[in-house]
Amino acid sequence: MNIDLTNKTALVTGGNTGIGRAIALALGRAGADVAITYFSNADEETVNNIRAMGRKSTAFQLNATDSAAV
């Protein structure tokens, strides 16, 4: 399947590890700029990989289970 997300922006919670990381990278490969959140372990590897694809990417520390923080 070929999905074109050029000129779209995606937000992936938990995007720096595991399934979230795989989703963030797939969205970047599909053309999206990707913002990711992480709970406790800041890791710029995912952001750097997405940027290497020519996309914009940034990471934010966030506890997605805390509605006040969101």
Protein backbone atom coordinates (compact mmCIF):
# COMPACT_ATOMS: atom_id res chain seq x y z
CA MET A 1 0.00 0.00 0.00
CA ASN A 2 1.32 3.44 -0.92
CA ILE A 3 0.04 6.29 1.24
CA ASP A 4 1.01 9.90 0.49
CA LEU A 5 0.96 12.14 3.55
CA THR A 6 2.90 15.01 1.99
CA ASN A 7 2.01 18.36 3.60
CA LYS A 8 0.38 16.58 6.56
CA THR A 9 1.46 16.64 10.20
CA ALA A 10 1.14 13.67 12.54
CA LEU A 11 1.35 13.40 16.32
CA VAL A 12 2.45 10.07 17.80
CA THR A 13 2.26 9.53 21.55
CA GLY A 14 5.01 7.27 22.80
CA GLY A 15 6.80 7.82 19.52
CA ASN A 16 10.35 7.28 20.66
CA THR A 17 10.19 3.52 21.37
CA GLY A 18 8.52 0.32 20.27
CA ILE A 19 5.34 0.41 18.22
CA GLY A 20 5.08 4.21 18.53
CA ARG A 21 8.56 4.60 17.03
CA ALA A 22 7.69 2.27 14.14
CA ILE A 23 4.52 4.27 13.46
CA ALA A 24 6.37 7.60 13.61
CA LEU A 25 8.98 6.36 11.12
CA ALA A 26 6.31 4.95 8.79
CA LEU A 27 4.48 8.29 8.83
CA GLY A 28 7.73 10.06 8.00
CA ARG A 29 8.38 7.67 5.11
CA ALA A 30 4.86 8.42 3.86
CA GLY A 31 5.73 12.13 3.71
CA ALA A 32 4.33 13.52 6.97
CA ASP A 33 6.08 15.85 9.37
CA VAL A 34 5.98 14.08 12.73
CA ALA A 35 5.77 15.32 16.32
CA ILE A 36 6.32 12.68 18.95
CA THR A 37 5.75 12.59 22.68
CA TYR A 38 7.64 10.57 25.24
CA PHE A 39 7.00 9.92 28.92
CA SER A 40 10.43 9.70 30.51
CA ASN A 41 13.21 8.76 28.11
CA ALA A 42 14.21 11.57 25.77
CA ASP A 43 15.76 9.98 22.71
CA GLU A 44 16.50 12.08 19.64
CA GLU A 45 17.19 9.05 17.42
CA THR A 46 13.63 8.86 16.09
CA VAL A 47 13.50 12.63 15.50
CA ASN A 48 16.86 12.52 13.73
CA ASN A 49 15.78 9.59 11.54
CA ILE A 50 12.63 11.44 10.46
CA ARG A 51 14.61 14.61 9.77
CA ALA A 52 17.03 12.57 7.65
CA MET A 53 14.02 11.73 5.45
CA GLY A 54 13.66 15.44 4.75
CA ARG A 55 10.71 15.86 7.12
CA LYS A 56 10.24 18.13 10.12
CA SER A 57 10.19 16.42 13.49
CA THR A 58 10.33 17.31 17.15
CA ALA A 59 9.79 15.55 20.47
CA PHE A 60 7.92 16.70 23.58
CA GLN A 61 7.97 15.26 27.10
CA LEU A 62 4.37 14.48 28.03
CA ASN A 63 2.43 12.13 30.26
CA ALA A 64 -0.52 11.42 27.96
CA THR A 65 -2.51 9.91 30.85
CA ASP A 66 -2.54 13.31 32.62
CA SER A 67 -5.40 15.26 31.04
CA ALA A 68 -4.24 18.53 32.62
CA ALA A 69 -0.81 18.13 31.03
CA VAL A 70 -2.26 17.36 27.64
